[in-house]
Amino acid sequence: MPPPILIVEDSRFVRSTLMRLLASHGIAAVEASTAQEALFVLTDHSLFAIIADYHLGGPMTGVDLLQEIRRRQPDAIRVLMSAAAPASVSAALASGDVQHLLHKPFSAAELLATLGR
């Protein structure tokens, strides 16, 4: 089985919707509601991709999380979701810390294409 995708989103509704979408396409996924939970997941899983919301309701943003994930698992695809991306996202995209930006709302087709599925 290929490595899972990690969904990091503080909204339970959005997180569960994404989990169901991935499962319906036969894609294994794990979830976290905060950046700290996501970093804990990294200790147990080698990941195919991380999809993180920009606003995570804690001290770390999605950009901060993806920067740390790049250090720990550089081969994982790093995707940021945001309804309104601040200027810091452009810098993170330019540096490679964030590889893809999904503007909310996005379609299932956009998500799957971003993941190469």
C-alpha atoms as a PDB file:
ATOM      1  CA  MET A   1       0.000   0.000   0.000  1.00  0.00           C
ATOM      2  CA  PRO A   2       1.398   3.453  -0.891  1.00  0.00           C
ATOM      3  CA  PRO A   3       2.136   5.922   1.900  1.00  0.00           C
ATOM      4  CA  PRO A   4      -0.901   7.866   3.111  1.00  0.00           C
ATOM      5  CA  ILE A   5      -1.831  11.476   2.621  1.00  0.00           C
ATOM      6  CA  LEU A   6      -2.074  13.648   5.724  1.00  0.00           C
ATOM      7  CA  ILE A   7      -4.989  16.097   5.887  1.00  0.00           C
ATOM      8  CA  VAL A   8      -4.410  18.942   8.360  1.00  0.00           C
ATOM      9  CA  GLU A   9      -7.508  21.088   8.821  1.00  0.00           C
ATOM     10  CA  ASP A  10      -9.041  22.582  11.956  1.00  0.00           C
ATOM     11  CA  SER A  11     -12.591  22.388  10.572  1.00  0.00           C
ATOM     12  CA  ARG A  12     -13.981  18.932  11.329  1.00  0.00           C
ATOM     13  CA  PHE A  13     -16.466  19.247   8.449  1.00  0.00           C
ATOM     14  CA  VAL A  14     -13.816  20.112   5.837  1.00  0.00           C
ATOM     15  CA  ARG A  15     -11.451  17.465   7.200  1.00  0.00           C
ATOM     16  CA  SER A  16     -14.072  14.710   7.100  1.00  0.00           C
ATOM     17  CA  THR A  17     -15.192  15.760   3.608  1.00  0.00           C
ATOM     18  CA  LEU A  18     -11.628  15.489   2.322  1.00  0.00           C
ATOM     19  CA  MET A  19     -11.114  12.155   4.058  1.00  0.00           C
ATOM     20  CA  ARG A  20     -14.287  10.746   2.436  1.00  0.00           C
ATOM     21  CA  LEU A  21     -13.284  12.112  -0.964  1.00  0.00           C
ATOM     22  CA  LEU A  22      -9.865  10.472  -0.825  1.00  0.00           C
ATOM     23  CA  ALA A  23     -11.310   7.192   0.481  1.00  0.00           C
ATOM     24  CA  SER A  24     -13.835   7.133  -2.370  1.00  0.00           C
ATOM     25  CA  HIS A  25     -10.872   7.160  -4.780  1.00  0.00           C
ATOM     26  CA  GLY A  26      -9.029   4.404  -2.909  1.00  0.00           C
ATOM     27  CA  ILE A  27      -6.466   6.794  -1.416  1.00  0.00           C
ATOM     28  CA  ALA A  28      -5.270   6.109   2.128  1.00  0.00           C
ATOM     29  CA  ALA A  29      -5.302   9.155   4.373  1.00  0.00           C
ATOM     30  CA  VAL A  30      -4.718  10.143   7.977  1.00  0.00           C
ATOM     31  CA  GLU A  31      -5.915  13.313   9.632  1.00  0.00           C
ATOM     32  CA  ALA A  32      -4.909  15.957  12.129  1.00  0.00           C
ATOM     33  CA  SER A  33      -6.753  19.023  13.374  1.00  0.00           C
ATOM     34  CA  THR A  34      -3.672  21.006  14.466  1.00  0.00           C
ATOM     35  CA  ALA A  35      -0.079  21.447  13.398  1.00  0.00           C
ATOM     36  CA  GLN A  36       1.081  19.766  16.609  1.00  0.00           C
ATOM     37  CA  GLU A  37      -1.050  16.690  15.872  1.00  0.00           C
ATOM     38  CA  ALA A  38       0.367  16.631  12.349  1.00  0.00           C
ATOM     39  CA  LEU A  39       3.943  16.671  13.639  1.00  0.00           C
ATOM     40  CA  PHE A  40       3.063  13.759  15.939  1.00  0.00           C
ATOM     41  CA  VAL A  41       1.669  11.824  12.939  1.00  0.00           C
ATOM     42  CA  LEU A  42       5.032  12.275  11.212  1.00  0.00           C
ATOM     43  CA  THR A  43       6.678  10.145  13.883  1.00  0.00           C
ATOM     44  CA  ASP A  44       4.550   7.141  12.828  1.00  0.00           C
ATOM     45  CA  HIS A  45       4.068   7.616   9.088  1.00  0.00           C
ATOM     46  CA  SER A  46       6.081   8.158   5.955  1.00  0.00           C
ATOM     47  CA  LEU A  47       3.750  10.331   3.891  1.00  0.00           C
ATOM     48  CA  PHE A  48       3.002  10.610   0.184  1.00  0.00           C
ATOM     49  CA  ALA A  49       1.584  14.120   0.606  1.00  0.00           C
ATOM     50  CA  ILE A  50       0.433  16.657   3.158  1.00  0.00           C
ATOM     51  CA  ILE A  51      -2.568  18.876   2.518  1.00  0.00           C
ATOM     52  CA  ALA A  52      -2.697  21.638   5.129  1.00  0.00           C
ATOM     53  CA  ASP A  53      -5.019  24.573   5.608  1.00  0.00           C
ATOM     54  CA  TYR A  54      -3.329  27.956   6.057  1.00  0.00           C
ATOM     55  CA  HIS A  55      -5.288  28.793   9.223  1.00  0.00           C
ATOM     56  CA  LEU A  56      -4.883  25.997  11.761  1.00  0.00           C
ATOM     57  CA  GLY A  57      -6.144  27.732  14.876  1.00  0.00           C
ATOM     58  CA  GLY A  58      -2.853  27.588  16.770  1.00  0.00           C
ATOM     59  CA  PRO A  59       0.552  29.207  16.839  1.00  0.00           C
ATOM     60  CA  MET A  60       1.661  27.554  13.572  1.00  0.00           C
ATOM     61  CA  THR A  61       0.203  28.356  10.174  1.00  0.00           C
ATOM     62  CA  GLY A  62      -0.034  25.841   7.380  1.00  0.00           C
ATOM     63  CA  VAL A  63       3.075  27.423   5.841  1.00  0.00           C
ATOM     64  CA  ASP A  64       5.008  26.948   9.094  1.00  0.00           C
ATOM     65  CA  LEU A  65       3.901  23.317   9.207  1.00  0.00           C
ATOM     66  CA  LEU A  66       4.847  22.612   5.592  1.00  0.00           C
ATOM     67  CA  GLN A  67       8.285  24.173   6.161  1.00  0.00           C
ATOM     68  CA  GLU A  68       8.862  21.760   9.051  1.00  0.00           C
ATOM     69  CA  ILE A  69       7.529  18.822   7.056  1.00  0.00           C
ATOM     70  CA  ARG A  70       9.911  19.693   4.224  1.00  0.00           C
ATOM     71  CA  ARG A  71      12.793  19.332   6.687  1.00  0.00           C
ATOM     72  CA  ARG A  72      11.521  16.006   8.052  1.00  0.00           C
ATOM     73  CA  GLN A  73      10.091  14.367   4.902  1.00  0.00           C
ATOM     74  CA  PRO A  74      11.451  16.269   1.888  1.00  0.00           C
ATOM     75  CA  ASP A  75       9.976  13.852  -0.676  1.00  0.00           C
ATOM     76  CA  ALA A  76       6.373  14.333   0.485  1.00  0.00           C
ATOM     77  CA  ILE A  77       4.212  16.546  -1.728  1.00  0.00           C
ATOM     78  CA  ARG A  78       3.327  19.724   0.179  1.00  0.00           C
ATOM     79  CA  VAL A  79      -0.058  21.322  -0.578  1.00  0.00           C
ATOM     80  CA  LEU A  80      -1.528  24.401   1.098  1.00  0.00           C
ATOM     81  CA  MET A  81      -5.267  25.152   1.099  1.00  0.00           C
ATOM     82  CA  SER A  82      -6.509  28.691   1.594  1.00  0.00           C
ATOM     83  CA  ALA A  83      -9.513  30.857   0.832  1.00  0.00           C
ATOM     84  CA  ALA A  84      -7.350  33.989   0.894  1.00  0.00           C
ATOM     85  CA  ALA A  85      -3.610  33.430   0.719  1.00  0.00           C
ATOM     86  CA  PRO A  86      -1.476  36.104   2.414  1.00  0.00           C
ATOM     87  CA  ALA A  87       1.768  37.383   0.903  1.00  0.00           C
ATOM     88  CA  SER A  88       3.820  34.861   2.900  1.00  0.00           C
ATOM     89  CA  VAL A  89       2.380  32.100   0.735  1.00  0.00           C
ATOM     90  CA  SER A  90       4.036  33.529  -2.384  1.00  0.00           C
ATOM     91  CA  ALA A  91       7.417  33.391  -0.675  1.00  0.00           C
ATOM     92  CA  ALA A  92       6.777  29.823   0.503  1.00  0.00           C
ATOM     93  CA  LEU A  93       5.828  28.787  -3.040  1.00  0.00           C
ATOM     94  CA  ALA A  94       8.949  30.442  -4.444  1.00  0.00           C
ATOM     95  CA  SER A  95      11.198  28.702  -1.890  1.00  0.00           C
ATOM     96  CA  GLY A  96       9.605  25.286  -2.462  1.00  0.00           C
ATOM     97  CA  ASP A  97       8.344  24.921   1.115  1.00  0.00           C
ATOM     98  CA  VAL A  98       4.849  24.888  -0.406  1.00  0.00           C
ATOM     99  CA  GLN A  99       4.680  23.094  -3.751  1.00  0.00           C
ATOM    100  CA  HIS A 100       1.004  23.599  -4.584  1.00  0.00           C
ATOM    101  CA  LEU A 101      -1.706  26.045  -3.556  1.00  0.00           C
ATOM    102  CA  LEU A 102      -5.362  25.030  -3.661  1.00  0.00           C
ATOM    103  CA  HIS A 103      -7.724  28.000  -3.483  1.00  0.00           C
ATOM    104  CA  LYS A 104     -10.861  27.204  -1.492  1.00  0.00           C
ATOM    105  CA  PRO A 105     -13.340  26.196  -2.661  1.00  0.00           C
ATOM    106  CA  PHE A 106     -11.715  23.654  -4.966  1.00  0.00           C
ATOM    107  CA  SER A 107     -13.116  20.665  -6.804  1.00  0.00           C
ATOM    108  CA  ALA A 108     -12.349  17.001  -6.322  1.00  0.00           C
ATOM    109  CA  ALA A 109     -10.757  17.024  -9.782  1.00  0.00           C
ATOM    110  CA  GLU A 110      -8.421  19.874  -8.776  1.00  0.00           C
ATOM    111  CA  LEU A 111      -7.374  18.045  -5.617  1.00  0.00           C
ATOM    112  CA  LEU A 112      -6.755  14.761  -7.404  1.00  0.00           C
ATOM    113  CA  ALA A 113      -4.826  16.485 -10.205  1.00  0.00           C
ATOM    114  CA  THR A 114      -2.642  18.248  -7.621  1.00  0.00           C
ATOM    115  CA  LEU A 115      -1.853  14.871  -6.087  1.00  0.00           C
ATOM    116  CA  GLY A 116      -1.191  13.342  -9.516  1.00  0.00           C
ATOM    117  CA  ARG A 117      -4.056  10.845  -9.113  1.00  0.00           C
END
